[in-house]
PDB file of all heavy atoms in Angstrom:
ATOM      1  N   THR A   1     -10.222   2.646  -3.202  1.00  0.00           N
ATOM      2  CA  THR A   1     -10.957   3.911  -3.322  1.00  0.00           C
ATOM      3  C   THR A   1     -12.103   4.006  -2.329  1.00  0.00           C
ATOM      4  O   THR A   1     -12.813   5.005  -2.289  1.00  0.00           O
ATOM      5  CB  THR A   1     -11.513   4.057  -4.756  1.00  0.00           C
ATOM      6  OG1 THR A   1     -12.357   2.933  -5.042  1.00  0.00           O
ATOM      7  CG2 THR A   1     -10.373   4.120  -5.764  1.00  0.00           C
ATOM      8  N   THR A   2     -12.308   2.970  -1.534  1.00  0.00           N
ATOM      9  CA  THR A   2     -13.413   2.974  -0.578  1.00  0.00           C
ATOM     10  C   THR A   2     -12.890   3.154   0.845  1.00  0.00           C
ATOM     11  O   THR A   2     -11.726   2.887   1.143  1.00  0.00           O
ATOM     12  CB  THR A   2     -14.202   1.651  -0.659  1.00  0.00           C
ATOM     13  OG1 THR A   2     -13.334   0.565  -0.312  1.00  0.00           O
ATOM     14  CG2 THR A   2     -14.741   1.439  -2.069  1.00  0.00           C
ATOM     15  N   GLU A   3     -13.809   3.603   1.709  1.00  0.00           N
ATOM     16  CA  GLU A   3     -13.468   3.795   3.113  1.00  0.00           C
ATOM     17  C   GLU A   3     -14.199   2.765   3.961  1.00  0.00           C
ATOM     18  O   GLU A   3     -15.315   2.370   3.641  1.00  0.00           O
ATOM     19  CB  GLU A   3     -13.880   5.193   3.587  1.00  0.00           C
ATOM     20  CG  GLU A   3     -13.102   6.327   2.980  1.00  0.00           C
ATOM     21  CD  GLU A   3     -13.561   7.671   3.549  1.00  0.00           C
ATOM     22  OE1 GLU A   3     -14.278   7.672   4.570  1.00  0.00           O
ATOM     23  OE2 GLU A   3     -13.204   8.715   2.969  1.00  0.00           O
ATOM     24  N   GLU A   4     -13.546   2.339   5.034  1.00  0.00           N
ATOM     25  CA  GLU A   4     -14.201   1.477   6.009  1.00  0.00           C
ATOM     26  C   GLU A   4     -13.844   1.963   7.411  1.00  0.00           C
ATOM     27  O   GLU A   4     -12.725   2.401   7.660  1.00  0.00           O
ATOM     28  CB  GLU A   4     -13.779   0.020   5.828  1.00  0.00           C
ATOM     29  CG  GLU A   4     -12.283  -0.215   5.975  1.00  0.00           C
ATOM     30  CD  GLU A   4     -11.935  -1.691   5.929  1.00  0.00           C
ATOM     31  OE1 GLU A   4     -12.825  -2.511   6.197  1.00  0.00           O
ATOM     32  OE2 GLU A   4     -10.765  -2.015   5.640  1.00  0.00           O
ATOM     33  N   GLN A   5     -14.819   1.912   8.304  1.00  0.00           N
ATOM     34  CA  GLN A   5     -14.595   2.350   9.675  1.00  0.00           C
ATOM     35  C   GLN A   5     -14.110   1.170  10.511  1.00  0.00           C
ATOM     36  O   GLN A   5     -14.761   0.125  10.561  1.00  0.00           O
ATOM     37  CB  GLN A   5     -15.875   2.939  10.264  1.00  0.00           C
ATOM     38  CG  GLN A   5     -16.284   4.252   9.618  1.00  0.00           C
ATOM     39  CD  GLN A   5     -17.365   4.963  10.404  1.00  0.00           C
ATOM     40  OE1 GLN A   5     -18.032   4.364  11.246  1.00  0.00           O
ATOM     41  NE2 GLN A   5     -17.548   6.247  10.134  1.00  0.00           N
ATOM     42  N   VAL A   6     -12.956   1.363  11.159  1.00  0.00           N
ATOM     43  CA  VAL A   6     -12.372   0.314  11.999  1.00  0.00           C
ATOM     44  C   VAL A   6     -11.906   0.952  13.299  1.00  0.00           C
ATOM     45  O   VAL A   6     -11.638   2.153  13.356  1.00  0.00           O
ATOM     46  CB  VAL A   6     -11.175  -0.377  11.296  1.00  0.00           C
ATOM     47  CG1 VAL A   6     -11.614  -1.056  10.008  1.00  0.00           C
ATOM     48  CG2 VAL A   6     -10.058   0.624  11.026  1.00  0.00           C
ATOM     49  N   PRO A   7     -11.796   0.178  14.379  1.00  0.00           N
ATOM     50  CA  PRO A   7     -11.235   0.720  15.625  1.00  0.00           C
ATOM     51  C   PRO A   7      -9.781   1.127  15.419  1.00  0.00           C
ATOM     52  O   PRO A   7      -9.056   0.505  14.628  1.00  0.00           O
ATOM     53  CB  PRO A   7     -11.344  -0.448  16.611  1.00  0.00           C
ATOM     54  CG  PRO A   7     -12.332  -1.388  16.000  1.00  0.00           C
ATOM     55  CD  PRO A   7     -12.230  -1.216  14.520  1.00  0.00           C
ATOM     56  N   GLY A   8      -9.355   2.163  16.113  1.00  0.00           N
ATOM     57  CA  GLY A   8      -7.971   2.608  15.994  1.00  0.00           C
ATOM     58  C   GLY A   8      -6.982   1.520  16.347  1.00  0.00           C
ATOM     59  O   GLY A   8      -5.884   1.448  15.780  1.00  0.00           O
ATOM     60  N   SER A   9      -7.343   0.635  17.270  1.00  0.00           N
ATOM     61  CA  SER A   9      -6.445  -0.442  17.688  1.00  0.00           C
ATOM     62  C   SER A   9      -6.254  -1.493  16.603  1.00  0.00           C
ATOM     63  O   SER A   9      -5.353  -2.324  16.690  1.00  0.00           O
ATOM     64  CB  SER A   9      -6.984  -1.110  18.953  1.00  0.00           C
ATOM     65  OG  SER A   9      -8.297  -1.615  18.730  1.00  0.00           O
ATOM     66  N   ALA A  10      -7.114  -1.469  15.565  1.00  0.00           N
ATOM     67  CA  ALA A  10      -7.005  -2.458  14.487  1.00  0.00           C
ATOM     68  C   ALA A  10      -6.084  -1.992  13.372  1.00  0.00           C
ATOM     69  O   ALA A  10      -5.822  -2.741  12.430  1.00  0.00           O
ATOM     70  CB  ALA A  10      -8.393  -2.755  13.917  1.00  0.00           C
ATOM     71  N   LEU A  11      -5.594  -0.772  13.452  1.00  0.00           N
ATOM     72  CA  LEU A  11      -4.733  -0.242  12.397  1.00  0.00           C
ATOM     73  C   LEU A  11      -3.369  -0.911  12.441  1.00  0.00           C
ATOM     74  O   LEU A  11      -2.863  -1.268  13.505  1.00  0.00           O
ATOM     75  CB  LEU A  11      -4.578   1.271  12.542  1.00  0.00           C
ATOM     76  CG  LEU A  11      -5.840   2.105  12.316  1.00  0.00           C
ATOM     77  CD1 LEU A  11      -5.573   3.572  12.630  1.00  0.00           C
ATOM     78  CD2 LEU A  11      -6.330   1.948  10.867  1.00  0.00           C
ATOM     79  N   ARG A  12      -2.777  -1.044  11.265  1.00  0.00           N
ATOM     80  CA  ARG A  12      -1.449  -1.625  11.154  1.00  0.00           C
ATOM     81  C   ARG A  12      -0.533  -0.662  10.405  1.00  0.00           C
ATOM     82  O   ARG A  12      -0.998   0.229   9.695  1.00  0.00           O
ATOM     83  CB  ARG A  12      -1.513  -2.976  10.413  1.00  0.00           C
ATOM     84  CG  ARG A  12      -2.309  -4.035  11.167  1.00  0.00           C
ATOM     85  CD  ARG A  12      -1.610  -4.427  12.455  1.00  0.00           C
ATOM     86  NE  ARG A  12      -2.369  -5.418  13.234  1.00  0.00           N
ATOM     87  CZ  ARG A  12      -3.181  -5.107  14.234  1.00  0.00           C
ATOM     88  NH1 ARG A  12      -3.347  -3.836  14.588  1.00  0.00           N
ATOM     89  NH2 ARG A  12      -3.816  -6.054  14.891  1.00  0.00           N
ATOM     90  N   VAL A  13       0.773  -0.863  10.571  1.00  0.00           N
ATOM     91  CA  VAL A  13       1.739  -0.001   9.895  1.00  0.00           C
ATOM     92  C   VAL A  13       1.522  -0.069   8.387  1.00  0.00           C
ATOM     93  O   VAL A  13       1.399  -1.156   7.817  1.00  0.00           O
ATOM     94  CB  VAL A  13       3.177  -0.433  10.248  1.00  0.00           C
ATOM     95  CG1 VAL A  13       4.195   0.375   9.441  1.00  0.00           C
ATOM     96  CG2 VAL A  13       3.438  -0.263  11.733  1.00  0.00           C
ATOM     97  N   GLY A  14       1.443   1.100   7.759  1.00  0.00           N
ATOM     98  CA  GLY A  14       1.230   1.176   6.321  1.00  0.00           C
ATOM     99  C   GLY A  14      -0.202   1.471   5.927  1.00  0.00           C
ATOM    100  O   GLY A  14      -0.467   1.844   4.774  1.00  0.00           O
ATOM    101  N   ASP A  15      -1.173   1.316   6.859  1.00  0.00           N
ATOM    102  CA  ASP A  15      -2.567   1.629   6.550  1.00  0.00           C
ATOM    103  C   ASP A  15      -2.727   3.111   6.254  1.00  0.00           C
ATOM    104  O   ASP A  15      -2.059   3.962   6.859  1.00  0.00           O
ATOM    105  CB  ASP A  15      -3.478   1.252   7.721  1.00  0.00           C
ATOM    106  CG  ASP A  15      -3.711  -0.250   7.819  1.00  0.00           C
ATOM    107  OD1 ASP A  15      -3.313  -0.964   6.886  1.00  0.00           O
ATOM    108  OD2 ASP A  15      -4.265  -0.701   8.846  1.00  0.00           O
ATOM    109  N   LEU A  16      -3.643   3.422   5.336  1.00  0.00           N
ATOM    110  CA  LEU A  16      -3.981   4.812   5.026  1.00  0.00           C
ATOM    111  C   LEU A  16      -5.325   5.147   5.656  1.00  0.00           C
ATOM    112  O   LEU A  16      -6.291   4.385   5.516  1.00  0.00           O
ATOM    113  CB  LEU A  16      -4.048   5.028   3.509  1.00  0.00           C
ATOM    114  CG  LEU A  16      -2.757   4.806   2.721  1.00  0.00           C
ATOM    115  CD1 LEU A  16      -3.009   5.009   1.229  1.00  0.00           C
ATOM    116  CD2 LEU A  16      -1.666   5.760   3.197  1.00  0.00           C
ATOM    117  N   VAL A  17      -5.385   6.283   6.372  1.00  0.00           N
ATOM    118  CA  VAL A  17      -6.631   6.706   7.010  1.00  0.00           C
ATOM    119  C   VAL A  17      -6.930   8.140   6.609  1.00  0.00           C
ATOM    120  O   VAL A  17      -6.022   8.946   6.388  1.00  0.00           O
ATOM    121  CB  VAL A  17      -6.556   6.588   8.548  1.00  0.00           C
ATOM    122  CG1 VAL A  17      -6.407   5.144   8.966  1.00  0.00           C
ATOM    123  CG2 VAL A  17      -5.419   7.413   9.112  1.00  0.00           C
ATOM    124  N   VAL A  18      -8.213   8.450   6.534  1.00  0.00           N
ATOM    125  CA  VAL A  18      -8.673   9.792   6.186  1.00  0.00           C
ATOM    126  C   VAL A  18      -9.078  10.520   7.462  1.00  0.00           C
ATOM    127  O   VAL A  18      -9.778   9.963   8.309  1.00  0.00           O
ATOM    128  CB  VAL A  18      -9.874   9.728   5.219  1.00  0.00           C
ATOM    129  CG1 VAL A  18     -10.392  11.121   4.917  1.00  0.00           C
ATOM    130  CG2 VAL A  18      -9.481   9.020   3.934  1.00  0.00           C
ATOM    131  N   CYS A  19      -8.620  11.752   7.605  1.00  0.00           N
ATOM    132  CA  CYS A  19      -8.987  12.574   8.760  1.00  0.00           C
ATOM    133  C   CYS A  19      -9.446  13.928   8.263  1.00  0.00           C
ATOM    134  O   CYS A  19      -8.739  14.601   7.501  1.00  0.00           O
ATOM    135  CB  CYS A  19      -7.801  12.745   9.710  1.00  0.00           C
ATOM    136  SG  CYS A  19      -7.181  11.205  10.417  1.00  0.00           S
ATOM    137  N   GLU A  20     -10.632  14.339   8.703  1.00  0.00           N
ATOM    138  CA  GLU A  20     -11.185  15.634   8.334  1.00  0.00           C
ATOM    139  C   GLU A  20     -11.421  16.456   9.584  1.00  0.00           C
ATOM    140  O   GLU A  20     -11.193  15.997  10.712  1.00  0.00           O
ATOM    141  CB  GLU A  20     -12.484  15.440   7.547  1.00  0.00           C
ATOM    142  CG  GLU A  20     -12.272  14.754   6.209  1.00  0.00           C
ATOM    143  CD  GLU A  20     -13.556  14.612   5.423  1.00  0.00           C
ATOM    144  OE1 GLU A  20     -14.598  14.316   6.045  1.00  0.00           O
ATOM    145  OE2 GLU A  20     -13.520  14.784   4.206  1.00  0.00           O
ATOM    146  N   ALA A  21     -11.845  17.712   9.379  1.00  0.00           N
ATOM    147  CA  ALA A  21     -12.072  18.637  10.495  1.00  0.00           C
ATOM    148  C   ALA A  21     -12.950  17.989  11.561  1.00  0.00           C
ATOM    149  O   ALA A  21     -14.007  17.438  11.258  1.00  0.00           O
ATOM    150  CB  ALA A  21     -12.705  19.927   9.992  1.00  0.00           C
ATOM    151  N   GLY A  22     -12.489  18.032  12.815  1.00  0.00           N
ATOM    152  CA  GLY A  22     -13.226  17.458  13.933  1.00  0.00           C
ATOM    153  C   GLY A  22     -12.803  16.051  14.287  1.00  0.00           C
ATOM    154  O   GLY A  22     -13.132  15.560  15.370  1.00  0.00           O
ATOM    155  N   ASP A  23     -12.064  15.360  13.387  1.00  0.00           N
ATOM    156  CA  ASP A  23     -11.649  13.978  13.648  1.00  0.00           C
ATOM    157  C   ASP A  23     -10.429  13.941  14.563  1.00  0.00           C
ATOM    158  O   ASP A  23      -9.546  14.809  14.495  1.00  0.00           O
ATOM    159  CB  ASP A  23     -11.291  13.258  12.344  1.00  0.00           C
ATOM    160  CG  ASP A  23     -12.507  12.998  11.468  1.00  0.00           C
ATOM    161  OD1 ASP A  23     -13.623  13.110  11.987  1.00  0.00           O
ATOM    162  OD2 ASP A  23     -12.320  12.692  10.275  1.00  0.00           O
ATOM    163  N   VAL A  24     -10.368  12.915  15.400  1.00  0.00           N
ATOM    164  CA  VAL A  24      -9.172  12.637  16.185  1.00  0.00           C
ATOM    165  C   VAL A  24      -8.291  11.703  15.365  1.00  0.00           C
ATOM    166  O   VAL A  24      -8.761  10.681  14.862  1.00  0.00           O
ATOM    167  CB  VAL A  24      -9.522  11.995  17.537  1.00  0.00           C
ATOM    168  CG1 VAL A  24      -8.254  11.558  18.274  1.00  0.00           C
ATOM    169  CG2 VAL A  24     -10.315  12.958  18.402  1.00  0.00           C
ATOM    170  N   ILE A  25      -7.033  12.057  15.206  1.00  0.00           N
ATOM    171  CA  ILE A  25      -6.110  11.229  14.434  1.00  0.00           C
ATOM    172  C   ILE A  25      -5.903   9.923  15.190  1.00  0.00           C
ATOM    173  O   ILE A  25      -5.504   9.918  16.358  1.00  0.00           O
ATOM    174  CB  ILE A  25      -4.781  11.964  14.214  1.00  0.00           C
ATOM    175  CG1 ILE A  25      -5.034  13.233  13.368  1.00  0.00           C
ATOM    176  CG2 ILE A  25      -3.762  11.065  13.525  1.00  0.00           C
ATOM    177  CD1 ILE A  25      -3.833  14.127  13.208  1.00  0.00           C
ATOM    178  N   PRO A  26      -6.178   8.776  14.555  1.00  0.00           N
ATOM    179  CA  PRO A  26      -6.227   7.505  15.296  1.00  0.00           C
ATOM    180  C   PRO A  26      -4.876   6.894  15.624  1.00  0.00           C
ATOM    181  O   PRO A  26      -4.801   5.964  16.422  1.00  0.00           O
ATOM    182  CB  PRO A  26      -7.016   6.596  14.356  1.00  0.00           C
ATOM    183  CG  PRO A  26      -6.720   7.127  12.997  1.00  0.00           C
ATOM    184  CD  PRO A  26      -6.591   8.616  13.155  1.00  0.00           C
ATOM    185  N   GLY A  27      -3.803   7.356  15.007  1.00  0.00           N
ATOM    186  CA  GLY A  27      -2.495   6.763  15.282  1.00  0.00           C
ATOM    187  C   GLY A  27      -1.382   7.617  14.722  1.00  0.00           C
ATOM    188  O   GLY A  27      -1.616   8.527  13.918  1.00  0.00           O
ATOM    189  N   ASP A  28      -0.160   7.343  15.142  1.00  0.00           N
ATOM    190  CA  ASP A  28       0.991   8.078  14.624  1.00  0.00           C
ATOM    191  C   ASP A  28       1.169   7.790  13.142  1.00  0.00           C
ATOM    192  O   ASP A  28       0.979   6.653  12.686  1.00  0.00           O
ATOM    193  CB  ASP A  28       2.265   7.655  15.359  1.00  0.00           C
ATOM    194  CG  ASP A  28       2.272   8.102  16.805  1.00  0.00           C
ATOM    195  OD1 ASP A  28       1.290   8.726  17.231  1.00  0.00           O
ATOM    196  OD2 ASP A  28       3.263   7.827  17.505  1.00  0.00           O
ATOM    197  N   GLY A  29       1.556   8.817  12.395  1.00  0.00           N
ATOM    198  CA  GLY A  29       1.771   8.606  10.971  1.00  0.00           C
ATOM    199  C   GLY A  29       2.310   9.834  10.282  1.00  0.00           C
ATOM    200  O   GLY A  29       2.654  10.833  10.915  1.00  0.00           O
ATOM    201  N   ASP A  30       2.385   9.761   8.961  1.00  0.00           N
ATOM    202  CA  ASP A  30       2.838  10.867   8.118  1.00  0.00           C
ATOM    203  C   ASP A  30       1.727  11.237   7.149  1.00  0.00           C
ATOM    204  O   ASP A  30       1.065  10.355   6.577  1.00  0.00           O
ATOM    205  CB  ASP A  30       4.087  10.475   7.321  1.00  0.00           C
ATOM    206  CG  ASP A  30       5.301  10.267   8.212  1.00  0.00           C
ATOM    207  OD1 ASP A  30       5.386  10.943   9.251  1.00  0.00           O
ATOM    208  OD2 ASP A  30       6.161   9.433   7.868  1.00  0.00           O
ATOM    209  N   VAL A  31       1.535  12.544   6.968  1.00  0.00           N
ATOM    210  CA  VAL A  31       0.550  13.017   5.999  1.00  0.00           C
ATOM    211  C   VAL A  31       1.093  12.759   4.595  1.00  0.00           C
ATOM    212  O   VAL A  31       2.202  13.188   4.259  1.00  0.00           O
ATOM    213  CB  VAL A  31       0.273  14.514   6.198  1.00  0.00           C
ATOM    214  CG1 VAL A  31      -0.678  15.024   5.111  1.00  0.00           C
ATOM    215  CG2 VAL A  31      -0.320  14.776   7.577  1.00  0.00           C
ATOM    216  N   VAL A  32       0.340  12.035   3.788  1.00  0.00           N
ATOM    217  CA  VAL A  32       0.772  11.730   2.426  1.00  0.00           C
ATOM    218  C   VAL A  32      -0.066  12.462   1.392  1.00  0.00           C
ATOM    219  O   VAL A  32       0.258  12.448   0.212  1.00  0.00           O
ATOM    220  CB  VAL A  32       0.718  10.210   2.159  1.00  0.00           C
ATOM    221  CG1 VAL A  32       1.714   9.488   3.044  1.00  0.00           C
ATOM    222  CG2 VAL A  32      -0.684   9.647   2.363  1.00  0.00           C
ATOM    223  N   GLU A  33      -1.139  13.100   1.857  1.00  0.00           N
ATOM    224  CA  GLU A  33      -1.980  13.855   0.921  1.00  0.00           C
ATOM    225  C   GLU A  33      -2.715  14.938   1.700  1.00  0.00           C
ATOM    226  O   GLU A  33      -3.287  14.673   2.757  1.00  0.00           O
ATOM    227  CB  GLU A  33      -2.983  12.927   0.240  1.00  0.00           C
ATOM    228  CG  GLU A  33      -3.910  13.639  -0.752  1.00  0.00           C
ATOM    229  CD  GLU A  33      -4.946  12.693  -1.336  1.00  0.00           C
ATOM    230  OE1 GLU A  33      -4.575  11.550  -1.684  1.00  0.00           O
ATOM    231  OE2 GLU A  33      -6.135  13.099  -1.419  1.00  0.00           O
TER     232      GLU A  33
END
């Protein structure tokens, strides 16, 4: 339930990321919510 800021290069397949207005999407993925 918590958020942590990490570099986009540190993301791995299956990670969930939050993107809001103005954010650059850090990697390829599918919207799940």
